[in-house]
Amino acid sequence: MAQIISDLKSKGKKIIHCHGVFDLLHIGHIKHFKEAKTFGDILIVGLNSNKSVKSIKSKDRPINSENDRAYLLAALESVDYVVIFDEDTPLEAMTVLEPDIIVKGGDYTFDTVVGNHLAEVVIFPTVEGHSTSATIKKIDNSN
């Protein structure tokens, strides 16, 4: 990946980075990626691995495997690359990716965005009524 990044940077491409679990894709995620892509040329999505999700969420997560989640993300028009990381945060991967801009959702602030010292940070407003946790809760309550 480092060689790809080097090639893109040498061509003057602006790299945008988003990261998260993206366990159950919903309209909020899609709008987030589409908006993120408007800030540059190449959108790289950092994806928490299965191991990482279990560590930061719960033993019952993820719902979908890292390979399934990566496949779905890669199929989106606005996403150029998906990078799976095992750590609880993507900081190690981000030092290799050298993003110009990091885009996170409205439940974050500049201070809580991992890698805020590496790149410009853009906070995209949360799409009200759409969250993976709310969807899981709704499914659980329907049983």
N, C-alpha and C. Protein backbone atom coordinates (compact mmCIF):
# COMPACT_ATOMS: atom_id res chain seq x y z
N MET A 1 0.82 -1.20 0.00
CA MET A 1 0.00 0.00 0.00
C MET A 1 0.87 1.26 0.00
N ALA A 2 2.02 1.17 0.65
CA ALA A 2 2.90 2.34 0.72
C ALA A 2 3.32 2.81 -0.67
N GLN A 3 3.57 1.86 -1.58
CA GLN A 3 3.96 2.23 -2.95
C GLN A 3 2.81 2.92 -3.68
N ILE A 4 1.60 2.42 -3.48
CA ILE A 4 0.42 3.04 -4.10
C ILE A 4 0.27 4.47 -3.60
N ILE A 5 0.42 4.66 -2.30
CA ILE A 5 0.30 6.01 -1.71
C ILE A 5 1.36 6.93 -2.29
N SER A 6 2.58 6.43 -2.37
CA SER A 6 3.68 7.22 -2.93
C SER A 6 3.37 7.64 -4.37
N ASP A 7 2.88 6.70 -5.16
CA ASP A 7 2.53 7.00 -6.55
C ASP A 7 1.41 8.04 -6.63
N LEU A 8 0.40 7.89 -5.80
CA LEU A 8 -0.73 8.83 -5.81
C LEU A 8 -0.27 10.22 -5.40
N LYS A 9 0.56 10.30 -4.36
CA LYS A 9 1.06 11.59 -3.88
C LYS A 9 1.93 12.26 -4.95
N SER A 10 2.74 11.45 -5.65
CA SER A 10 3.62 12.02 -6.68
C SER A 10 2.82 12.59 -7.84
N LYS A 11 1.58 12.10 -8.00
CA LYS A 11 0.69 12.61 -9.05
C LYS A 11 -0.18 13.76 -8.54
N GLY A 12 0.10 14.19 -7.30
CA GLY A 12 -0.64 15.32 -6.74
C GLY A 12 -2.05 14.98 -6.26
N LYS A 13 -2.32 13.72 -6.05
CA LYS A 13 -3.65 13.30 -5.61
C LYS A 13 -3.83 13.59 -4.11
N LYS A 14 -4.99 14.11 -3.77
CA LYS A 14 -5.34 14.40 -2.38
C LYS A 14 -6.04 13.18 -1.80
N ILE A 15 -5.52 12.69 -0.67
CA ILE A 15 -6.03 11.46 -0.05
C ILE A 15 -6.92 11.79 1.13
N ILE A 16 -8.11 11.19 1.12
CA ILE A 16 -9.08 11.34 2.20
C ILE A 16 -9.15 10.01 2.92
N HIS A 17 -9.26 10.08 4.24
CA HIS A 17 -9.35 8.86 5.04
C HIS A 17 -10.56 8.92 5.96
N CYS A 18 -11.33 7.84 5.97
CA CYS A 18 -12.42 7.62 6.92
C CYS A 18 -12.13 6.27 7.57
N HIS A 19 -12.59 6.08 8.77
CA HIS A 19 -12.39 4.77 9.38
C HIS A 19 -13.53 4.45 10.34
N GLY A 20 -13.73 3.14 10.53
CA GLY A 20 -14.76 2.70 11.44
C GLY A 20 -15.04 1.22 11.29
N VAL A 21 -16.10 0.78 11.98
CA VAL A 21 -16.50 -0.61 11.97
C VAL A 21 -17.36 -0.92 10.75
N PHE A 22 -18.32 -0.06 10.45
CA PHE A 22 -19.22 -0.20 9.30
C PHE A 22 -19.82 -1.60 9.22
N ASP A 23 -20.40 -2.02 10.36
CA ASP A 23 -20.91 -3.37 10.50
C ASP A 23 -22.19 -3.61 9.72
N LEU A 24 -23.12 -2.71 9.83
CA LEU A 24 -24.36 -2.77 9.04
C LEU A 24 -24.46 -1.45 8.29
N LEU A 25 -24.15 -1.48 7.01
CA LEU A 25 -24.17 -0.24 6.23
C LEU A 25 -25.57 0.36 6.21
N HIS A 26 -25.62 1.67 6.37
CA HIS A 26 -26.89 2.38 6.31
C HIS A 26 -26.69 3.70 5.58
N ILE A 27 -27.76 4.41 5.37
CA ILE A 27 -27.72 5.65 4.58
C ILE A 27 -26.74 6.68 5.16
N GLY A 28 -26.59 6.70 6.48
CA GLY A 28 -25.64 7.62 7.09
C GLY A 28 -24.23 7.36 6.63
N HIS A 29 -23.85 6.09 6.54
CA HIS A 29 -22.52 5.74 6.05
C HIS A 29 -22.34 6.17 4.60
N ILE A 30 -23.33 5.87 3.79
CA ILE A 30 -23.23 6.17 2.35
C ILE A 30 -23.09 7.68 2.13
N LYS A 31 -23.90 8.46 2.84
CA LYS A 31 -23.80 9.93 2.72
C LYS A 31 -22.44 10.41 3.21
N HIS A 32 -21.94 9.80 4.27
CA HIS A 32 -20.63 10.14 4.82
C HIS A 32 -19.54 9.93 3.77
N PHE A 33 -19.54 8.77 3.12
CA PHE A 33 -18.51 8.48 2.11
C PHE A 33 -18.63 9.40 0.90
N LYS A 34 -19.86 9.63 0.45
CA LYS A 34 -20.05 10.52 -0.71
C LYS A 34 -19.55 11.92 -0.40
N GLU A 35 -19.86 12.42 0.79
CA GLU A 35 -19.40 13.76 1.20
C GLU A 35 -17.88 13.78 1.35
N ALA A 36 -17.33 12.75 1.98
CA ALA A 36 -15.88 12.68 2.18
C ALA A 36 -15.14 12.77 0.85
N LYS A 37 -15.64 12.07 -0.14
CA LYS A 37 -14.98 12.03 -1.45
C LYS A 37 -14.88 13.41 -2.09
N THR A 38 -15.80 14.32 -1.74
CA THR A 38 -15.77 15.67 -2.33
C THR A 38 -14.57 16.49 -1.86
N PHE A 39 -13.87 16.05 -0.82
CA PHE A 39 -12.75 16.80 -0.27
C PHE A 39 -11.42 16.48 -0.93
N GLY A 40 -11.40 15.50 -1.84
CA GLY A 40 -10.15 15.14 -2.48
C GLY A 40 -10.36 14.18 -3.63
N ASP A 41 -9.31 13.43 -3.92
CA ASP A 41 -9.31 12.55 -5.09
C ASP A 41 -9.49 11.07 -4.78
N ILE A 42 -8.86 10.61 -3.71
CA ILE A 42 -8.84 9.19 -3.39
C ILE A 42 -9.38 8.99 -1.98
N LEU A 43 -10.43 8.20 -1.85
CA LEU A 43 -11.01 7.90 -0.53
C LEU A 43 -10.56 6.51 -0.09
N ILE A 44 -9.84 6.48 1.02
CA ILE A 44 -9.40 5.22 1.62
C ILE A 44 -10.19 5.04 2.91
N VAL A 45 -10.86 3.91 3.02
CA VAL A 45 -11.63 3.60 4.22
C VAL A 45 -10.85 2.60 5.06
N GLY A 46 -10.54 3.00 6.29
CA GLY A 46 -9.92 2.11 7.26
C GLY A 46 -11.03 1.31 7.93
N LEU A 47 -10.89 0.00 7.96
CA LEU A 47 -11.94 -0.87 8.49
C LEU A 47 -11.40 -1.69 9.66
N ASN A 48 -12.07 -1.57 10.80
CA ASN A 48 -11.69 -2.38 11.96
C ASN A 48 -11.84 -3.86 11.62
N SER A 49 -10.81 -4.65 11.91
CA SER A 49 -10.88 -6.09 11.71
C SER A 49 -11.86 -6.72 12.70
N ASN A 50 -12.18 -7.99 12.49
CA ASN A 50 -13.04 -8.70 13.43
C ASN A 50 -12.48 -8.63 14.84
N LYS A 51 -11.19 -8.87 14.98
CA LYS A 51 -10.51 -8.83 16.28
C LYS A 51 -10.65 -7.45 16.92
N SER A 52 -10.43 -6.43 16.14
CA SER A 52 -10.52 -5.06 16.63
C SER A 52 -11.94 -4.71 17.08
N VAL A 53 -12.93 -5.13 16.30
CA VAL A 53 -14.33 -4.84 16.64
C VAL A 53 -14.70 -5.50 17.96
N LYS A 54 -14.31 -6.74 18.15
CA LYS A 54 -14.59 -7.45 19.40
C LYS A 54 -13.98 -6.71 20.59
N SER A 55 -12.81 -6.15 20.37
CA SER A 55 -12.10 -5.43 21.43
C SER A 55 -12.80 -4.12 21.79
N ILE A 56 -13.28 -3.39 20.78
CA ILE A 56 -13.85 -2.07 21.07
C ILE A 56 -15.37 -2.05 21.23
N LYS A 57 -16.05 -3.07 20.72
CA LYS A 57 -17.52 -3.11 20.79
C LYS A 57 -17.99 -4.14 21.81
N SER A 58 -18.00 -5.40 21.43
CA SER A 58 -18.40 -6.48 22.33
C SER A 58 -18.08 -7.82 21.69
N LYS A 59 -18.20 -8.89 22.48
CA LYS A 59 -17.92 -10.23 21.96
C LYS A 59 -18.94 -10.65 20.91
N ASP A 60 -20.10 -9.98 20.87
CA ASP A 60 -21.16 -10.31 19.91
C ASP A 60 -21.00 -9.59 18.58
N ARG A 61 -20.01 -8.74 18.46
CA ARG A 61 -19.79 -8.01 17.23
C ARG A 61 -18.46 -8.44 16.64
N PRO A 62 -18.25 -8.32 15.37
CA PRO A 62 -19.17 -7.72 14.41
C PRO A 62 -20.28 -8.69 14.00
N ILE A 63 -21.32 -8.13 13.45
CA ILE A 63 -22.40 -8.93 12.88
C ILE A 63 -21.90 -9.56 11.58
N ASN A 64 -21.27 -8.76 10.75
CA ASN A 64 -20.72 -9.22 9.46
C ASN A 64 -19.20 -9.31 9.56
N SER A 65 -18.62 -10.28 8.89
CA SER A 65 -17.17 -10.47 8.94
C SER A 65 -16.44 -9.31 8.27
N GLU A 66 -15.16 -9.19 8.59
CA GLU A 66 -14.35 -8.13 8.00
C GLU A 66 -14.30 -8.26 6.49
N ASN A 67 -14.24 -9.48 5.96
CA ASN A 67 -14.20 -9.65 4.51
C ASN A 67 -15.51 -9.22 3.86
N ASP A 68 -16.64 -9.55 4.48
CA ASP A 68 -17.93 -9.12 3.94
C ASP A 68 -18.06 -7.61 4.00
N ARG A 69 -17.67 -7.01 5.13
CA ARG A 69 -17.75 -5.55 5.27
C ARG A 69 -16.84 -4.85 4.27
N ALA A 70 -15.63 -5.39 4.09
CA ALA A 70 -14.69 -4.79 3.13
C ALA A 70 -15.23 -4.89 1.71
N TYR A 71 -15.83 -6.02 1.37
CA TYR A 71 -16.39 -6.21 0.02
C TYR A 71 -17.49 -5.18 -0.25
N LEU A 72 -18.38 -5.02 0.73
CA LEU A 72 -19.48 -4.05 0.56
C LEU A 72 -18.93 -2.63 0.40
N LEU A 73 -17.97 -2.27 1.23
CA LEU A 73 -17.39 -0.93 1.13
C LEU A 73 -16.70 -0.71 -0.21
N ALA A 74 -15.93 -1.69 -0.64
CA ALA A 74 -15.20 -1.57 -1.90
C ALA A 74 -16.13 -1.45 -3.10
N ALA A 75 -17.35 -1.95 -2.97
CA ALA A 75 -18.32 -1.89 -4.06
C ALA A 75 -18.95 -0.50 -4.20
N LEU A 76 -18.76 0.35 -3.21
CA LEU A 76 -19.35 1.69 -3.27
C LEU A 76 -18.58 2.58 -4.23
N GLU A 77 -19.31 3.33 -5.01
CA GLU A 77 -18.71 4.20 -6.03
C GLU A 77 -17.71 5.20 -5.43
N SER A 78 -17.98 5.71 -4.25
CA SER A 78 -17.13 6.75 -3.68
C SER A 78 -15.87 6.22 -3.00
N VAL A 79 -15.81 4.92 -2.74
CA VAL A 79 -14.67 4.32 -2.03
C VAL A 79 -13.66 3.77 -3.03
N ASP A 80 -12.40 4.22 -2.89
CA ASP A 80 -11.34 3.76 -3.79
C ASP A 80 -10.55 2.58 -3.23
N TYR A 81 -10.28 2.60 -1.93
CA TYR A 81 -9.52 1.52 -1.30
C TYR A 81 -10.09 1.25 0.08
N VAL A 82 -9.98 -0.01 0.52
CA VAL A 82 -10.35 -0.39 1.88
C VAL A 82 -9.12 -1.04 2.51
N VAL A 83 -8.77 -0.58 3.70
CA VAL A 83 -7.62 -1.11 4.42
C VAL A 83 -8.13 -1.63 5.77
N ILE A 84 -7.92 -2.92 6.03
CA ILE A 84 -8.35 -3.53 7.29
C ILE A 84 -7.20 -3.41 8.30
N PHE A 85 -7.54 -2.97 9.52
CA PHE A 85 -6.52 -2.86 10.56
C PHE A 85 -6.94 -3.63 11.81
N ASP A 86 -5.97 -4.23 12.48
CA ASP A 86 -6.21 -5.07 13.66
C ASP A 86 -6.22 -4.29 14.98
N GLU A 87 -5.58 -3.15 15.00
CA GLU A 87 -5.48 -2.39 16.23
C GLU A 87 -6.84 -1.77 16.57
N ASP A 88 -6.97 -1.28 17.80
CA ASP A 88 -8.22 -0.62 18.21
C ASP A 88 -8.44 0.68 17.45
N THR A 89 -7.35 1.32 17.04
CA THR A 89 -7.44 2.55 16.24
C THR A 89 -6.59 2.38 14.98
N PRO A 90 -6.86 3.18 13.96
CA PRO A 90 -6.11 3.05 12.71
C PRO A 90 -4.84 3.90 12.66
N LEU A 91 -4.36 4.38 13.80
CA LEU A 91 -3.23 5.30 13.80
C LEU A 91 -2.01 4.74 13.07
N GLU A 92 -1.69 3.50 13.32
CA GLU A 92 -0.52 2.89 12.67
C GLU A 92 -0.70 2.88 11.14
N ALA A 93 -1.87 2.47 10.68
CA ALA A 93 -2.16 2.45 9.24
C ALA A 93 -2.14 3.87 8.67
N MET A 94 -2.65 4.81 9.43
CA MET A 94 -2.71 6.19 8.93
C MET A 94 -1.34 6.80 8.74
N THR A 95 -0.36 6.38 9.53
CA THR A 95 0.99 6.92 9.34
C THR A 95 1.57 6.45 8.02
N VAL A 96 1.13 5.30 7.54
CA VAL A 96 1.56 4.80 6.23
C VAL A 96 0.75 5.47 5.12
N LEU A 97 -0.55 5.63 5.36
CA LEU A 97 -1.46 6.19 4.34
C LEU A 97 -1.26 7.68 4.11
N GLU A 98 -0.75 8.39 5.10
CA GLU A 98 -0.50 9.83 4.99
C GLU A 98 -1.67 10.59 4.38
N PRO A 99 -2.85 10.52 5.00
CA PRO A 99 -3.99 11.23 4.42
C PRO A 99 -3.81 12.75 4.49
N ASP A 100 -4.42 13.44 3.55
CA ASP A 100 -4.45 14.89 3.59
C ASP A 100 -5.61 15.37 4.46
N ILE A 101 -6.69 14.57 4.44
CA ILE A 101 -7.90 14.92 5.17
C ILE A 101 -8.46 13.66 5.83
N ILE A 102 -8.90 13.81 7.08
CA ILE A 102 -9.59 12.74 7.80
C ILE A 102 -11.02 13.20 7.99
N VAL A 103 -11.98 12.37 7.60
CA VAL A 103 -13.39 12.70 7.75
C VAL A 103 -14.03 11.72 8.72
N LYS A 104 -14.68 12.27 9.74
CA LYS A 104 -15.37 11.44 10.73
C LYS A 104 -16.79 11.98 10.91
N GLY A 105 -17.61 11.15 11.54
CA GLY A 105 -19.01 11.51 11.76
C GLY A 105 -19.20 12.49 12.91
N GLY A 106 -20.40 13.03 12.99
CA GLY A 106 -20.75 14.08 13.94
C GLY A 106 -20.71 13.68 15.40
N ASP A 107 -20.52 12.40 15.69
CA ASP A 107 -20.40 12.00 17.10
C ASP A 107 -18.95 12.15 17.58
N TYR A 108 -18.09 12.73 16.75
CA TYR A 108 -16.70 13.00 17.10
C TYR A 108 -16.46 14.50 17.15
N THR A 109 -15.39 14.88 17.85
CA THR A 109 -14.89 16.25 17.83
C THR A 109 -13.45 16.18 17.33
N PHE A 110 -12.88 17.31 17.00
CA PHE A 110 -11.49 17.33 16.54
C PHE A 110 -10.59 16.57 17.51
N ASP A 111 -10.76 16.83 18.80
CA ASP A 111 -9.90 16.21 19.80
C ASP A 111 -10.06 14.70 19.92
N THR A 112 -11.20 14.17 19.53
CA THR A 112 -11.42 12.72 19.66
C THR A 112 -11.14 11.95 18.36
N VAL A 113 -10.78 12.65 17.30
CA VAL A 113 -10.47 11.99 16.03
C VAL A 113 -9.04 11.47 16.07
N VAL A 114 -8.90 10.16 15.89
CA VAL A 114 -7.58 9.53 15.84
C VAL A 114 -6.82 10.08 14.64
N GLY A 115 -5.58 10.49 14.87
CA GLY A 115 -4.75 11.00 13.79
C GLY A 115 -4.95 12.47 13.50
N ASN A 116 -5.60 13.19 14.38
CA ASN A 116 -5.88 14.61 14.12
C ASN A 116 -4.62 15.44 13.96
N HIS A 117 -3.50 14.92 14.39
CA HIS A 117 -2.22 15.62 14.24
C HIS A 117 -1.56 15.32 12.88
N LEU A 118 -2.15 14.39 12.13
CA LEU A 118 -1.55 13.97 10.86
C LEU A 118 -2.13 14.69 9.64
N ALA A 119 -3.35 15.20 9.78
CA ALA A 119 -4.03 15.75 8.61
C ALA A 119 -5.13 16.72 9.04
N GLU A 120 -5.67 17.41 8.06
CA GLU A 120 -6.85 18.25 8.30
C GLU A 120 -8.00 17.34 8.70
N VAL A 121 -8.83 17.79 9.62
CA VAL A 121 -9.97 16.99 10.08
C VAL A 121 -11.27 17.68 9.68
N VAL A 122 -12.18 16.91 9.11
CA VAL A 122 -13.51 17.39 8.77
C VAL A 122 -14.52 16.52 9.51
N ILE A 123 -15.44 17.15 10.22
CA ILE A 123 -16.49 16.42 10.92
C ILE A 123 -17.76 16.54 10.09
N PHE A 124 -18.28 15.38 9.67
CA PHE A 124 -19.50 15.33 8.87
C PHE A 124 -20.68 15.10 9.82
N PRO A 125 -21.72 15.92 9.72
CA PRO A 125 -22.86 15.76 10.64
C PRO A 125 -23.47 14.36 10.56
N THR A 126 -23.84 13.85 11.72
CA THR A 126 -24.50 12.55 11.78
C THR A 126 -25.86 12.64 11.10
N VAL A 127 -26.21 11.61 10.35
CA VAL A 127 -27.52 11.56 9.72
C VAL A 127 -28.50 11.03 10.78
N GLU A 128 -29.36 11.90 11.24
CA GLU A 128 -30.28 11.56 12.33
C GLU A 128 -31.11 10.32 12.02
N GLY A 129 -31.29 9.51 13.06
CA GLY A 129 -32.14 8.34 12.94
C GLY A 129 -31.47 7.12 12.31
N HIS A 130 -30.16 7.23 12.04
CA HIS A 130 -29.47 6.11 11.40
C HIS A 130 -28.19 5.79 12.16
N SER A 131 -28.17 4.62 12.78
CA SER A 131 -26.96 4.13 13.43
C SER A 131 -27.01 2.62 13.49
N THR A 132 -25.84 2.01 13.47
CA THR A 132 -25.77 0.56 13.54
C THR A 132 -26.32 0.06 14.87
N SER A 133 -25.96 0.74 15.95
CA SER A 133 -26.43 0.33 17.28
C SER A 133 -27.95 0.38 17.36
N ALA A 134 -28.56 1.43 16.80
CA ALA A 134 -30.02 1.54 16.81
C ALA A 134 -30.67 0.43 15.98
N THR A 135 -30.04 0.09 14.86
CA THR A 135 -30.57 -0.98 14.01
C THR A 135 -30.51 -2.32 14.74
N ILE A 136 -29.39 -2.59 15.40
CA ILE A 136 -29.25 -3.84 16.15
C ILE A 136 -30.28 -3.89 17.28
N LYS A 137 -30.47 -2.78 17.96
CA LYS A 137 -31.46 -2.71 19.05
C LYS A 137 -32.87 -2.98 18.51
N LYS A 138 -33.18 -2.40 17.37
CA LYS A 138 -34.49 -2.60 16.75
C LYS A 138 -34.71 -4.07 16.39
N ILE A 139 -33.69 -4.71 15.85
CA ILE A 139 -33.78 -6.13 15.50
C ILE A 139 -33.97 -6.96 16.78
N ASP A 140 -33.19 -6.66 17.80
CA ASP A 140 -33.30 -7.40 19.07
C ASP A 140 -34.69 -7.27 19.67
N ASN A 141 -35.28 -6.08 19.58
CA ASN A 141 -36.61 -5.83 20.15
C ASN A 141 -37.73 -6.45 19.34
N SER A 142 -37.44 -6.83 18.10
CA SER A 142 -38.49 -7.42 17.25
C SER A 142 -38.68 -8.91 17.53
N ASN A 143 -37.79 -9.48 18.30
CA ASN A 143 -37.87 -10.93 18.60
C ASN A 143 -38.77 -11.20 19.77
